[in-house]
C-alpha cells in the first residue's frame, strides 16, 4: 500500500508540472517533445510548458552561451535563481531566458528594485515594455515581442513595476507578490507590434473608436525647471544648461525654438536651454525646456506658429523645433533622437497639420486647442 501511495503521489506531481499532458479528453494536446539538450528538473519542465505556446529549441544552461545578453537581468545565485537556461524561438527570431527562482517573492522584489534604480538613474521609461513573464515556479524573458504575445496566451503574466505602466481595459490585471507591481496579459510596445490597446485614441477628427471624450492616457509633469531637467536627462543632453534669459533667448540658424519673444505671452513660467549656444564653434544640440502655467495659451501660440511655417510649402522647416508637451511642461527640440526618448517618457508632440492621422499602435489624443492633436507618431521618423 505504501508503494501505491508513492506512485500515486509521483503521478500527481508529474501532472502538476506537465500541465498539457494531464488535461485528458479527446482534445488533449500530445506530450511535448523532450528538452533538446537532455536538461532535467524544473528547468526542463519550464521548457516543456513554454513549448506548448511557442518554439523553445536548443535549451542550454551554459553561462557563456552567446544567446545570453551581456546585460541580462540576473544569474544563478542572484535573485534566488537556482537554475537558468536559454532557448531559441527561431520562427520569431528571438531567444527566451528561463529562470527558476527558489523564492518568487524575492525575485519580484529584486526586479522591482532593479526597475526603480533604472528610473532613479534617469531612464524613466524603463520597464514600460517589460518582457519579464512570471509563471508558477519559473520566469521566462523573451527577446521578441512576438514570442511574448504567444506566451501570454498561457498562464504566464507580464510583471511590470514601472508606476506609469498601463494595463488597458480588456486585459487581466492581477496583484504581484510585491507592492507597486502588477501582473497582466498586456504586452506593451512603442512600435505597435505588442498587444492592441483599445484605449489608444485613433483619429479624433474621423471619430474612430478609442478616442477619449476628455482627459489623457497620461502625460509627465514636473514641479520646476530643475525637476524637468532631471526628468529628461536620459533623452536630452543637458551637460551645458542655462536659465539666463539672454542665453535662453539665443537662436541658431540650425536650431529654431518654438517659443519666441516674451515667454510669458506663451504661458511659460520657467525656461531653460540645454546645449552649446555658441562660442569657439557653431551652436549645437540646442533644446529648450519649459514649465507651463497656461498650457492652452502655449498650444494656441504654437499652433499659429506651426501653421505659419506650413503656409509656403506645407512642410515644417528642417531647423524648426517640435513642441513636445506634458501636463505642465514642454520641450522644444529638432532632434529625432531626443524626441524618441521623450516619447518613451510619455511626452507627446503637438501636431497641427491639417488631415494628420496616425497608424494603429501610436498614441493620438486631443490637444487643448481645436485643430491640433497630441501624438508620438512622426511620418518622417516612425518608430520601428
Protein backbone atom coordinates (compact mmCIF):
# COMPACT_ATOMS: atom_id res chain seq x y z
CA UNK A 1 0.00 0.00 0.00
CA UNK A 2 2.84 2.37 0.77
CA UNK A 3 4.31 1.77 -2.70
CA UNK A 4 0.91 2.51 -4.28
CA UNK A 5 0.68 5.81 -2.34
CA UNK A 6 4.18 6.79 -3.51
CA UNK A 7 3.31 6.01 -7.12
CA UNK A 8 0.07 8.00 -6.87
CA UNK A 9 1.88 10.98 -5.35
CA UNK A 10 4.55 10.88 -8.05
CA UNK A 11 1.89 10.81 -10.79
CA UNK A 12 0.10 13.79 -9.23
CA UNK A 13 3.30 15.84 -9.06
CA UNK A 14 4.13 14.97 -12.67
CA UNK A 15 0.63 16.07 -13.68
CA UNK A 16 1.08 19.45 -11.99
CA UNK A 17 4.39 20.08 -13.70
CA UNK A 18 3.40 18.91 -17.18
CA UNK A 19 0.07 20.74 -17.49
CA UNK A 20 -0.80 19.85 -21.06
CA UNK A 21 0.00 16.16 -20.69
CA UNK A 22 -2.60 15.76 -17.93
CA UNK A 23 -5.57 17.61 -19.41
CA UNK A 24 -7.15 14.41 -20.73
CA UNK A 25 -10.04 14.15 -23.13
CA UNK A 26 -10.16 13.76 -26.90
CA UNK A 27 -8.75 17.25 -27.48
CA UNK A 28 -5.80 16.92 -25.13
CA UNK A 29 -2.51 18.09 -26.59
CA UNK A 30 0.08 15.41 -27.29
CA UNK A 31 3.03 15.21 -24.89
CA UNK A 32 5.60 17.88 -25.81
CA UNK A 33 8.95 16.87 -27.24
CA UNK A 34 11.73 16.38 -24.71
CA UNK A 35 14.23 19.14 -24.00
CA UNK A 36 16.79 19.23 -26.77
CA UNK A 37 19.85 19.12 -24.51
CA UNK A 38 18.65 16.46 -22.11
CA UNK A 39 18.19 19.00 -19.29
CA UNK A 40 16.36 17.64 -16.26
CA UNK A 41 14.29 19.02 -13.40
CA UNK A 42 12.32 22.28 -13.11
CA UNK A 43 14.14 23.97 -16.00
CA UNK A 44 13.22 21.20 -18.40
CA UNK A 45 9.63 21.32 -17.13
CA UNK A 46 9.59 25.08 -17.76
CA UNK A 47 10.77 24.47 -21.31
CA UNK A 48 8.08 21.85 -21.85
CA UNK A 49 5.41 24.28 -20.63
CA UNK A 50 6.68 27.14 -22.82
CA UNK A 51 6.77 24.88 -25.89
CA UNK A 52 3.01 24.49 -25.73
CA UNK A 53 2.74 28.12 -26.85
CA UNK A 54 5.97 28.98 -28.69
CA UNK A 55 9.14 27.43 -30.01
CA UNK A 56 11.88 26.92 -27.41
CA UNK A 57 14.68 24.91 -29.01
CA UNK A 58 18.29 24.15 -28.13
CA UNK A 59 17.98 24.75 -24.39
CA UNK A 60 21.38 25.45 -22.87
CA UNK A 61 22.39 26.09 -19.28
CA UNK A 62 25.90 27.28 -20.12
CA UNK A 63 26.58 30.73 -18.54
CA UNK A 64 28.66 31.71 -21.57
CA UNK A 65 26.01 30.91 -24.18
CA UNK A 66 26.24 33.72 -26.79
CA UNK A 67 22.44 33.98 -26.86
CA UNK A 68 22.52 35.45 -23.35
CA UNK A 69 22.73 39.25 -23.38
CA UNK A 70 25.69 40.81 -21.58
CA UNK A 71 23.25 43.00 -19.60
CA UNK A 72 20.96 40.11 -18.71
CA UNK A 73 18.82 40.76 -15.64
CA UNK A 74 20.18 38.12 -13.30
CA UNK A 75 22.26 34.96 -12.98
CA UNK A 76 22.23 31.75 -10.96
CA UNK A 77 22.83 32.66 -7.33
CA UNK A 78 21.15 36.07 -7.68
CA UNK A 79 17.50 36.98 -7.02
CA UNK A 80 17.13 33.44 -5.53
CA UNK A 81 17.63 31.91 -9.02
CA UNK A 82 18.77 28.29 -8.73
CA UNK A 83 18.64 27.32 -12.42
CA UNK A 84 18.83 29.32 -15.63
CA UNK A 85 18.93 28.49 -19.33
CA UNK A 86 18.30 29.95 -22.75
CA UNK A 87 16.43 28.54 -25.73
CA UNK A 88 15.61 29.85 -29.21
CA UNK A 89 12.26 30.79 -30.71
CA UNK A 90 13.51 30.63 -34.29
CA UNK A 91 10.17 31.43 -36.02
CA UNK A 92 10.02 34.69 -34.01
CA UNK A 93 13.77 35.35 -34.46
CA UNK A 94 14.30 35.60 -30.71
CA UNK A 95 15.55 33.91 -27.59
CA UNK A 96 13.88 33.01 -24.29
CA UNK A 97 15.77 33.09 -21.00
CA UNK A 98 14.24 30.70 -18.46
CA UNK A 99 14.97 31.14 -14.75
CA UNK A 100 13.86 29.03 -11.78
CA UNK A 101 13.83 31.04 -8.52
CA UNK A 102 13.53 29.30 -5.16
CA UNK A 103 11.62 32.31 -3.80
CA UNK A 104 9.35 34.04 -6.32
CA UNK A 105 8.64 36.96 -3.97
CA UNK A 106 12.36 37.65 -3.63
CA UNK A 107 12.73 37.53 -7.42
CA UNK A 108 9.91 40.06 -7.88
CA UNK A 109 11.29 42.26 -5.09
CA UNK A 110 14.71 42.31 -6.75
CA UNK A 111 13.19 43.07 -10.14
CA UNK A 112 11.19 45.97 -8.70
CA UNK A 113 14.35 47.41 -7.13
CA UNK A 114 16.15 47.00 -10.47
CA UNK A 115 13.40 48.99 -12.22
CA UNK A 116 13.39 51.69 -9.52
CA UNK A 117 17.17 52.04 -9.78
CA UNK A 118 16.90 52.47 -13.57
CA UNK A 119 14.22 55.14 -13.17
CA UNK A 120 16.24 56.93 -10.48
CA UNK A 121 19.22 56.86 -12.85
CA UNK A 122 17.28 58.85 -15.46
CA UNK A 123 15.62 56.10 -17.51
CA UNK A 124 12.05 56.98 -16.62
CA UNK A 125 10.59 54.68 -19.28
CA UNK A 126 12.39 51.54 -18.10
CA UNK A 127 10.02 48.63 -17.61
CA UNK A 128 7.15 50.07 -19.64
CA UNK A 129 7.78 47.33 -22.19
CA UNK A 130 8.59 44.61 -19.66
CA UNK A 131 9.32 41.18 -21.08
CA UNK A 132 9.57 39.52 -17.66
CA UNK A 133 6.88 36.83 -17.73
CA UNK A 134 6.13 35.13 -14.43
CA UNK A 135 4.74 31.62 -14.18
CA UNK A 136 4.19 29.11 -11.41
CA UNK A 137 7.73 28.36 -10.35
CA UNK A 138 9.66 29.88 -13.24
CA UNK A 139 10.24 33.11 -15.15
CA UNK A 140 10.51 33.48 -18.93
CA UNK A 141 12.12 36.55 -20.52
CA UNK A 142 11.67 36.52 -24.31
CA UNK A 143 13.59 38.96 -26.50
CA UNK A 144 10.90 39.00 -29.18
CA UNK A 145 7.57 40.79 -28.82
CA UNK A 146 6.04 38.08 -30.99
CA UNK A 147 7.18 35.44 -28.50
CA UNK A 148 5.81 37.44 -25.57
CA UNK A 149 2.42 37.69 -27.29
CA UNK A 150 2.37 33.93 -27.75
CA UNK A 151 3.34 33.23 -24.15
CA UNK A 152 0.71 35.46 -22.52
CA UNK A 153 -1.91 33.15 -24.01
CA UNK A 154 -0.77 30.73 -21.31
CA UNK A 155 -0.83 31.30 -17.55
CA UNK A 156 2.37 33.35 -17.81
CA UNK A 157 1.87 37.01 -16.89
CA UNK A 158 3.92 40.13 -17.65
CA UNK A 159 5.48 41.59 -14.49
CA UNK A 160 5.56 45.40 -14.59
CA UNK A 161 6.90 47.61 -11.79
CA UNK A 162 7.15 51.00 -13.54
CA UNK A 163 4.45 53.10 -11.82
CA UNK A 164 3.32 54.57 -15.16
CA UNK A 165 2.98 51.22 -16.97
CA UNK A 166 -0.57 50.93 -18.34
CA UNK A 167 -2.87 47.91 -18.25
CA UNK A 168 -5.62 48.92 -20.70
CA UNK A 169 -9.23 47.96 -20.31
CA UNK A 170 -9.95 44.43 -21.52
CA UNK A 171 -6.75 42.89 -20.15
CA UNK A 172 -6.26 40.84 -16.99
CA UNK A 173 -4.65 42.68 -14.11
CA UNK A 174 -3.50 40.75 -11.05
CA UNK A 175 -1.54 41.69 -7.95
CA UNK A 176 2.12 40.75 -7.94
CA UNK A 177 3.84 39.43 -4.83
CA UNK A 178 5.33 42.87 -4.12
CA UNK A 179 3.56 46.19 -3.64
CA UNK A 180 3.76 48.56 -6.60
CA UNK A 181 3.99 45.85 -9.27
CA UNK A 182 1.29 44.05 -11.22
CA UNK A 183 0.84 41.02 -13.45
CA UNK A 184 -1.10 41.22 -16.71
CA UNK A 185 -1.51 39.68 -20.14
CA UNK A 186 -0.82 43.02 -21.83
CA UNK A 187 2.42 43.21 -23.83
CA UNK A 188 3.44 46.83 -24.27
CA UNK A 189 5.36 48.06 -27.32
CA UNK A 190 6.03 51.52 -28.76
CA UNK A 191 6.19 50.25 -32.34
CA UNK A 192 2.62 48.94 -32.35
CA UNK A 193 3.64 45.27 -32.51
CA UNK A 194 2.51 44.46 -28.97
CA UNK A 195 -0.96 43.82 -27.59
CA UNK A 196 -3.63 46.02 -29.17
CA UNK A 197 -4.59 48.86 -26.86
CA UNK A 198 -8.27 49.56 -27.38
CA UNK A 199 -7.92 52.64 -25.19
CA UNK A 200 -5.33 54.13 -27.55
CA UNK A 201 -7.04 57.06 -29.25
CA UNK A 202 -7.27 56.94 -33.00
CA UNK A 203 -8.11 59.93 -35.20
CA UNK A 204 -10.44 62.27 -33.27
CA UNK A 205 -11.35 64.15 -36.46
CA UNK A 206 -12.63 60.94 -38.02
CA UNK A 207 -14.49 59.87 -34.90
CA UNK A 208 -12.81 56.49 -34.73
CA UNK A 209 -13.34 54.25 -31.67
CA UNK A 210 -10.98 54.68 -28.76
CA UNK A 211 -10.69 58.47 -28.62
CA UNK A 212 -11.37 59.54 -25.02
CA UNK A 213 -14.01 62.25 -24.71
CA UNK A 214 -11.81 64.07 -22.25
CA UNK A 215 -8.56 63.69 -20.43
CA UNK A 216 -5.45 61.79 -21.47
CA UNK A 217 -3.84 58.39 -21.21
CA UNK A 218 -1.13 60.05 -19.14
CA UNK A 219 1.47 62.79 -19.60
CA UNK A 220 4.55 63.58 -17.49
CA UNK A 221 4.74 66.56 -15.17
CA UNK A 222 7.40 68.38 -13.13
CA UNK A 223 7.31 70.99 -10.37
CA UNK A 224 10.24 73.11 -11.54
CA UNK A 225 12.83 73.60 -14.27
CA UNK A 226 15.35 71.70 -12.14
CA UNK A 227 12.92 68.79 -11.81
CA UNK A 228 12.19 68.89 -15.56
CA UNK A 229 15.91 68.89 -16.35
CA UNK A 230 16.38 65.80 -14.20
CA UNK A 231 13.31 64.13 -15.72
CA UNK A 232 14.53 64.45 -19.33
CA UNK A 233 18.23 63.84 -18.63
CA UNK A 234 18.11 60.40 -20.26
CA UNK A 235 16.69 61.88 -23.50
CA UNK A 236 18.11 65.41 -23.72
CA UNK A 237 21.78 66.26 -23.26
CA UNK A 238 21.79 68.98 -20.61
CA UNK A 239 25.50 68.81 -19.79
CA UNK A 240 25.56 72.50 -20.68
CA UNK A 241 22.48 74.18 -19.21
CA UNK A 242 21.42 77.76 -18.56
CA UNK A 243 18.37 79.63 -17.32
CA UNK A 244 19.93 83.05 -18.01
CA UNK A 245 17.26 84.93 -20.04
CA UNK A 246 19.79 86.29 -22.55
CA UNK A 247 21.26 82.84 -23.15
CA UNK A 248 17.89 81.12 -23.35
CA UNK A 249 16.73 83.67 -25.96
CA UNK A 250 19.57 82.73 -28.32
CA UNK A 251 18.52 81.21 -31.65
CA UNK A 252 20.70 79.47 -34.21
CA UNK A 253 20.43 79.05 -37.96
CA UNK A 254 20.32 75.30 -37.23
CA UNK A 255 18.09 75.36 -34.16
CA UNK A 256 14.88 77.38 -34.15
CA UNK A 257 12.83 77.31 -30.93
CA UNK A 258 9.05 77.16 -30.85
CA UNK A 259 8.65 79.86 -28.21
CA UNK A 260 9.74 83.27 -29.47
CA UNK A 261 9.50 86.73 -27.94
CA UNK A 262 8.25 87.09 -24.38
CA UNK A 263 7.80 83.59 -22.86
CA UNK A 264 5.09 84.90 -20.54
CA UNK A 265 2.92 85.53 -23.60
CA UNK A 266 3.14 81.78 -24.29
CA UNK A 267 2.01 80.81 -20.79
CA UNK A 268 5.58 79.85 -19.85
CA UNK A 269 6.57 80.28 -16.21
CA UNK A 270 10.14 78.99 -16.39
CA UNK A 271 12.57 78.38 -19.24
CA UNK A 272 15.99 76.84 -19.70
CA UNK A 273 18.37 75.99 -22.54
CA UNK A 274 20.31 72.75 -22.94
CA UNK A 275 23.25 72.70 -25.36
CA UNK A 276 26.09 74.90 -26.59
CA UNK A 277 24.64 78.27 -27.73
CA UNK A 278 27.88 79.37 -29.44
CA UNK A 279 31.46 80.33 -28.70
CA UNK A 280 34.54 78.79 -30.25
CA UNK A 281 32.35 76.77 -32.56
CA UNK A 282 28.90 76.89 -34.08
CA UNK A 283 25.93 76.45 -31.76
CA UNK A 284 24.86 72.82 -31.45
CA UNK A 285 22.46 70.48 -29.64
CA UNK A 286 20.07 73.24 -28.59
CA UNK A 287 16.93 72.15 -26.76
CA UNK A 288 14.60 74.33 -24.71
CA UNK A 289 12.85 73.25 -21.51
CA UNK A 290 9.66 74.99 -20.32
CA UNK A 291 7.46 74.91 -17.26
CA UNK A 292 3.99 75.97 -18.33
CA UNK A 293 1.33 77.77 -16.30
CA UNK A 294 -1.19 78.05 -19.14
CA UNK A 295 -0.96 75.05 -21.49
CA UNK A 296 -3.88 76.17 -23.64
CA UNK A 297 -2.19 79.51 -24.30
CA UNK A 298 1.05 77.75 -25.23
CA UNK A 299 -0.69 75.36 -27.60
CA UNK A 300 -2.68 78.19 -29.19
CA UNK A 301 0.50 80.19 -29.90
CA UNK A 302 2.35 77.08 -31.08
CA UNK A 303 -0.48 76.23 -33.48
CA UNK A 304 -0.31 79.68 -35.05
CA UNK A 305 3.48 79.42 -35.43
CA UNK A 306 3.25 75.93 -36.91
CA UNK A 307 0.59 76.91 -39.43
CA UNK A 308 2.61 79.97 -40.48
CA UNK A 309 5.56 77.68 -41.12
CA UNK A 310 3.39 75.28 -43.16
CA UNK A 311 1.90 78.08 -45.28
CA UNK A 312 4.55 78.21 -48.01
CA UNK A 313 5.08 74.56 -48.95
CA UNK A 314 3.05 72.54 -46.46
CA UNK A 315 6.20 71.39 -44.67
CA UNK A 316 7.93 72.41 -41.47
CA UNK A 317 11.43 73.81 -41.76
CA UNK A 318 14.08 71.20 -41.03
CA UNK A 319 15.59 73.53 -38.41
CA UNK A 320 12.24 74.08 -36.67
CA UNK A 321 11.85 72.54 -33.25
CA UNK A 322 8.79 70.47 -32.46
CA UNK A 323 6.84 71.12 -29.27
CA UNK A 324 6.57 68.04 -27.04
CA UNK A 325 4.28 68.59 -24.08
CA UNK A 326 3.46 67.02 -20.75
CA UNK A 327 0.82 68.13 -18.29
CA UNK A 328 2.58 71.32 -17.19
CA UNK A 329 5.90 71.09 -19.01
CA UNK A 330 7.23 71.18 -22.55
CA UNK A 331 10.42 70.52 -24.50
CA UNK A 332 11.29 72.21 -27.81
CA UNK A 333 13.67 70.13 -29.90
CA UNK A 334 14.51 69.38 -33.51
CA UNK A 335 16.44 66.23 -32.60
CA UNK A 336 14.65 62.98 -33.63
CA UNK A 337 16.83 61.06 -31.18
CA UNK A 338 15.83 63.27 -28.27
CA UNK A 339 12.18 63.07 -29.28
CA UNK A 340 12.29 59.27 -29.39
CA UNK A 341 13.47 59.24 -25.78
CA UNK A 342 10.86 61.78 -24.75
CA UNK A 343 8.08 59.71 -26.34
CA UNK A 344 9.25 56.82 -24.19
CA UNK A 345 8.71 59.11 -21.20
CA UNK A 346 5.13 59.81 -22.35
CA UNK A 347 5.69 63.29 -23.84
CA UNK A 348 3.54 63.93 -26.91
CA UNK A 349 4.11 66.18 -29.93
CA UNK A 350 1.65 68.98 -30.72
CA UNK A 351 0.74 68.37 -34.38
CA UNK A 352 -1.50 70.92 -36.14
CA UNK A 353 -1.02 69.67 -39.72
CA UNK A 354 -4.46 69.53 -41.43
CA UNK A 355 -5.65 65.98 -42.12
CA UNK A 356 -2.98 64.34 -39.96
CA UNK A 357 -3.71 60.84 -38.63
CA UNK A 358 -1.61 58.14 -37.01
CA UNK A 359 -1.42 54.39 -37.70
CA UNK A 360 -2.75 51.88 -35.21
CA UNK A 361 -0.44 51.42 -32.25
CA UNK A 362 0.54 55.07 -31.87
CA UNK A 363 -0.93 57.49 -29.37
CA UNK A 364 -3.22 60.21 -30.68
CA UNK A 365 -5.01 62.44 -28.21
CA UNK A 366 -6.96 65.68 -28.28
CA UNK A 367 -4.92 68.81 -27.78
CA UNK A 368 -6.19 71.78 -25.77
CA UNK A 369 -6.62 73.79 -28.97
CA UNK A 370 -9.00 72.93 -31.80
CA UNK A 371 -7.37 71.62 -34.99
CA UNK A 372 -4.38 70.01 -33.26
CA UNK A 373 -3.64 66.61 -31.75
CA UNK A 374 -1.03 65.21 -29.39
CA UNK A 375 0.84 62.23 -30.78
CA UNK A 376 4.03 60.16 -30.69
CA UNK A 377 3.89 59.46 -34.43
CA UNK A 378 6.08 61.37 -36.89
CA UNK A 379 5.65 60.30 -40.56
CA UNK A 380 9.27 61.20 -41.33
CA UNK A 381 10.66 59.45 -38.24
CA UNK A 382 8.37 56.50 -37.44
CA UNK A 383 9.36 54.27 -34.56
CA UNK A 384 10.33 50.72 -35.51
